[in-house]
Amino acid sequence: MAKEKKGEGFHSAAGLIRYFDAEEKTSLKIPPWFVAAMSIATIVIVAAVHIIWPLTPT
């Protein structure tokens, strides 16, 4: 069996934490209410288009 290296997981976890901390500061932030509002708007638009132009069976 392969020997396990002790302490290796902590260093890799610390690198990931630093990466995500740096990424969080520069990333685009979209509020949850905006995502919900866009989802509802998309549903309304699709329903309206379906009512205006119904699909006809071929």
N, C-alpha and C. Protein backbone atom coordinates (compact mmCIF):
# COMPACT_ATOMS: atom_id res chain seq x y z
N MET A 1 0.83 -1.18 0.00
CA MET A 1 0.00 0.00 0.00
C MET A 1 0.87 1.24 0.00
N ALA A 2 0.35 2.27 -0.57
CA ALA A 2 1.08 3.53 -0.62
C ALA A 2 1.03 4.21 0.74
N LYS A 3 2.13 4.87 1.07
CA LYS A 3 2.17 5.61 2.33
C LYS A 3 1.42 6.92 2.17
N GLU A 4 0.71 7.29 3.21
CA GLU A 4 -0.01 8.56 3.18
C GLU A 4 0.90 9.66 3.71
N LYS A 5 0.89 10.79 3.05
CA LYS A 5 1.69 11.92 3.51
C LYS A 5 0.82 12.76 4.44
N LYS A 6 1.30 12.98 5.63
CA LYS A 6 0.53 13.76 6.59
C LYS A 6 0.81 15.23 6.38
N GLY A 7 -0.23 16.06 6.51
CA GLY A 7 -0.06 17.50 6.39
C GLY A 7 -0.22 18.02 4.98
N GLU A 8 -0.31 17.14 4.00
CA GLU A 8 -0.42 17.60 2.61
C GLU A 8 -1.77 18.24 2.33
N GLY A 9 -2.82 17.75 2.92
CA GLY A 9 -4.16 18.27 2.69
C GLY A 9 -4.33 19.71 3.16
N PHE A 10 -3.66 20.06 4.23
CA PHE A 10 -3.79 21.42 4.76
C PHE A 10 -3.23 22.45 3.79
N HIS A 11 -2.09 22.15 3.18
CA HIS A 11 -1.48 23.10 2.25
C HIS A 11 -2.33 23.29 1.00
N SER A 12 -2.89 22.21 0.48
CA SER A 12 -3.73 22.35 -0.70
C SER A 12 -5.03 23.06 -0.37
N ALA A 13 -5.57 22.82 0.81
CA ALA A 13 -6.79 23.51 1.23
C ALA A 13 -6.52 25.00 1.42
N ALA A 14 -5.37 25.34 1.95
CA ALA A 14 -5.04 26.75 2.15
C ALA A 14 -4.92 27.45 0.80
N GLY A 15 -4.40 26.79 -0.21
CA GLY A 15 -4.30 27.37 -1.54
C GLY A 15 -5.67 27.61 -2.14
N LEU A 16 -6.59 26.67 -1.94
CA LEU A 16 -7.94 26.84 -2.45
C LEU A 16 -8.65 27.99 -1.75
N ILE A 17 -8.45 28.11 -0.46
CA ILE A 17 -9.08 29.20 0.28
C ILE A 17 -8.57 30.54 -0.23
N ARG A 18 -7.27 30.65 -0.46
CA ARG A 18 -6.71 31.90 -0.99
C ARG A 18 -7.26 32.18 -2.38
N TYR A 19 -7.41 31.15 -3.22
CA TYR A 19 -7.93 31.33 -4.57
C TYR A 19 -9.36 31.84 -4.52
N PHE A 20 -10.21 31.22 -3.72
CA PHE A 20 -11.60 31.63 -3.68
C PHE A 20 -11.78 32.98 -3.01
N ASP A 21 -10.94 33.33 -2.05
CA ASP A 21 -11.00 34.67 -1.45
C ASP A 21 -10.66 35.73 -2.48
N ALA A 22 -9.64 35.49 -3.28
CA ALA A 22 -9.25 36.45 -4.31
C ALA A 22 -10.30 36.52 -5.40
N GLU A 23 -10.88 35.40 -5.76
CA GLU A 23 -11.90 35.36 -6.81
C GLU A 23 -13.16 36.08 -6.36
N GLU A 24 -13.49 35.97 -5.09
CA GLU A 24 -14.72 36.57 -4.58
C GLU A 24 -14.69 38.09 -4.66
N LYS A 25 -13.54 38.69 -4.51
CA LYS A 25 -13.43 40.16 -4.53
C LYS A 25 -13.59 40.72 -5.94
N THR A 26 -13.19 39.99 -6.96
CA THR A 26 -13.22 40.51 -8.32
C THR A 26 -14.38 39.97 -9.15
N SER A 27 -15.14 39.04 -8.61
CA SER A 27 -16.19 38.41 -9.41
C SER A 27 -17.44 39.30 -9.49
N LEU A 28 -18.23 39.04 -10.51
CA LEU A 28 -19.48 39.74 -10.71
C LEU A 28 -20.50 39.25 -9.69
N LYS A 29 -21.13 40.16 -9.00
CA LYS A 29 -22.10 39.78 -7.98
C LYS A 29 -23.51 40.06 -8.50
N ILE A 30 -24.33 39.01 -8.57
CA ILE A 30 -25.72 39.13 -9.01
C ILE A 30 -26.60 38.82 -7.80
N PRO A 31 -27.44 39.78 -7.42
CA PRO A 31 -28.29 39.53 -6.26
C PRO A 31 -29.33 38.45 -6.54
N PRO A 32 -29.70 37.69 -5.52
CA PRO A 32 -30.68 36.60 -5.71
C PRO A 32 -32.03 37.10 -6.21
N TRP A 33 -32.46 38.27 -5.81
CA TRP A 33 -33.76 38.78 -6.27
C TRP A 33 -33.74 39.04 -7.77
N PHE A 34 -32.58 39.40 -8.33
CA PHE A 34 -32.47 39.64 -9.77
C PHE A 34 -32.64 38.33 -10.54
N VAL A 35 -32.05 37.27 -10.04
CA VAL A 35 -32.18 35.95 -10.68
C VAL A 35 -33.63 35.50 -10.65
N ALA A 36 -34.29 35.69 -9.51
CA ALA A 36 -35.71 35.31 -9.39
C ALA A 36 -36.57 36.15 -10.32
N ALA A 37 -36.31 37.46 -10.39
CA ALA A 37 -37.10 38.34 -11.26
C ALA A 37 -36.90 37.99 -12.73
N MET A 38 -35.68 37.67 -13.12
CA MET A 38 -35.43 37.30 -14.52
C MET A 38 -36.09 35.97 -14.86
N SER A 39 -36.13 35.05 -13.92
CA SER A 39 -36.81 33.77 -14.15
C SER A 39 -38.31 33.97 -14.35
N ILE A 40 -38.90 34.79 -13.50
CA ILE A 40 -40.34 35.07 -13.62
C ILE A 40 -40.62 35.80 -14.93
N ALA A 41 -39.77 36.76 -15.29
CA ALA A 41 -39.97 37.50 -16.54
C ALA A 41 -39.87 36.56 -17.75
N THR A 42 -38.95 35.63 -17.71
CA THR A 42 -38.81 34.68 -18.81
C THR A 42 -40.05 33.79 -18.92
N ILE A 43 -40.56 33.34 -17.80
CA ILE A 43 -41.79 32.52 -17.81
C ILE A 43 -42.95 33.30 -18.39
N VAL A 44 -43.10 34.56 -17.99
CA VAL A 44 -44.20 35.39 -18.50
C VAL A 44 -44.06 35.60 -20.00
N ILE A 45 -42.85 35.87 -20.47
CA ILE A 45 -42.64 36.10 -21.91
C ILE A 45 -42.94 34.84 -22.72
N VAL A 46 -42.47 33.70 -22.24
CA VAL A 46 -42.71 32.44 -22.97
C VAL A 46 -44.20 32.12 -22.99
N ALA A 47 -44.89 32.33 -21.87
CA ALA A 47 -46.33 32.08 -21.82
C ALA A 47 -47.08 33.02 -22.75
N ALA A 48 -46.69 34.29 -22.80
CA ALA A 48 -47.35 35.26 -23.68
C ALA A 48 -47.14 34.90 -25.14
N VAL A 49 -45.94 34.51 -25.49
CA VAL A 49 -45.66 34.12 -26.89
C VAL A 49 -46.47 32.87 -27.25
N HIS A 50 -46.59 31.95 -26.32
CA HIS A 50 -47.37 30.73 -26.58
C HIS A 50 -48.86 31.06 -26.78
N ILE A 51 -49.36 32.04 -26.06
CA ILE A 51 -50.77 32.44 -26.21
C ILE A 51 -50.97 33.19 -27.53
N ILE A 52 -50.03 34.07 -27.87
CA ILE A 52 -50.17 34.88 -29.09
C ILE A 52 -49.99 34.01 -30.34
N TRP A 53 -48.96 33.17 -30.35
CA TRP A 53 -48.69 32.31 -31.48
C TRP A 53 -48.75 30.85 -31.05
N PRO A 54 -49.95 30.28 -30.96
CA PRO A 54 -50.03 28.88 -30.53
C PRO A 54 -49.44 27.94 -31.56
N LEU A 55 -48.93 26.83 -31.09
CA LEU A 55 -48.40 25.84 -31.99
C LEU A 55 -49.54 25.11 -32.71
N THR A 56 -49.41 24.98 -34.00
CA THR A 56 -50.43 24.26 -34.76
C THR A 56 -49.92 22.87 -35.10
N PRO A 57 -50.74 21.86 -34.90
CA PRO A 57 -50.27 20.50 -35.24
C PRO A 57 -50.11 20.36 -36.75
N THR A 58 -49.10 19.63 -37.15
CA THR A 58 -48.84 19.46 -38.58
C THR A 58 -49.29 18.10 -39.06
